């Protein structure tokens, strides 16, 4: 699984980081970025899906392989 964040949609709520800090990082303004080039280890896939569901701006998505 691989995820991405649309920086134009991210509003800095940082919910993704609160849910899955191993997968996301935030800058000084709260704008999220993905860690590890967006690759999600199998044991963190449920955390990634939870972060996707909790993003109020729908800025996080799964990249099709």
Protein backbone atom coordinates (compact mmCIF):
# COMPACT_ATOMS: atom_id res chain seq x y z
CA UNK A 1 0.00 0.00 0.00
CA UNK A 2 1.15 3.52 -0.77
CA UNK A 3 -0.47 6.80 0.28
CA UNK A 4 -0.23 10.41 -0.81
CA UNK A 5 -1.37 13.81 0.46
CA UNK A 6 -2.76 16.52 -1.78
CA UNK A 7 -0.99 19.61 -0.39
CA UNK A 8 -3.59 21.90 -1.96
CA UNK A 9 -6.35 20.26 0.10
CA UNK A 10 -4.51 19.82 3.41
CA UNK A 11 -5.62 22.50 5.87
CA UNK A 12 -3.30 21.55 8.72
CA UNK A 13 -5.70 19.79 11.10
CA UNK A 14 -2.92 17.23 11.78
CA UNK A 15 -5.37 14.41 12.51
CA UNK A 16 -3.35 12.06 10.31
CA UNK A 17 -0.23 12.73 12.37
CA UNK A 18 -2.14 12.23 15.63
CA UNK A 19 -3.43 8.87 14.38
CA UNK A 20 -0.32 7.58 12.61
CA UNK A 21 2.88 9.50 13.42
CA UNK A 22 4.94 6.69 11.88
CA UNK A 23 3.34 7.45 8.50
CA UNK A 24 2.91 11.24 8.55
CA UNK A 25 4.86 14.33 9.49
CA UNK A 26 3.74 17.95 9.77
CA UNK A 27 5.59 21.18 9.13
CA UNK A 28 5.54 24.31 11.27
CA UNK A 29 2.19 25.31 9.75
CA UNK A 30 0.55 21.93 10.37
CA UNK A 31 0.61 20.90 6.71
CA UNK A 32 1.03 17.14 6.52
CA UNK A 33 3.50 15.15 4.46
CA UNK A 34 3.90 11.41 4.08
CA UNK A 35 6.94 9.67 5.47
CA UNK A 36 8.90 6.90 3.73
CA UNK A 37 7.84 8.06 0.24
CA UNK A 38 4.28 7.07 1.12
CA UNK A 39 5.01 3.36 1.47
CA UNK A 40 2.94 1.81 4.25
CA UNK A 41 4.22 -1.31 6.01
CA UNK A 42 1.62 -4.07 6.24
CA UNK A 43 1.32 -3.70 10.02
CA UNK A 44 0.38 0.00 9.64
CA UNK A 45 -2.22 -0.33 6.88
CA UNK A 46 -5.18 -0.09 9.28
CA UNK A 47 -3.69 3.09 10.81
CA UNK A 48 -3.31 4.54 7.32
CA UNK A 49 -6.94 3.74 6.49
CA UNK A 50 -8.07 5.30 9.78
CA UNK A 51 -6.12 8.46 8.98
CA UNK A 52 -7.69 8.59 5.51
CA UNK A 53 -11.19 8.28 6.99
CA UNK A 54 -10.49 11.00 9.56
CA UNK A 55 -9.09 13.66 7.23
CA UNK A 56 -11.77 16.38 7.14
CA UNK A 57 -10.46 17.73 3.83
CA UNK A 58 -10.14 14.29 2.14
CA UNK A 59 -6.55 15.20 1.32
CA UNK A 60 -5.13 11.69 1.85
CA UNK A 61 -5.50 8.97 -0.75
CA UNK A 62 -4.21 5.57 -1.70
CA UNK A 63 -2.02 5.42 -4.79
CA UNK A 64 -3.05 2.64 -7.16
CA UNK A 65 -0.28 0.23 -8.00
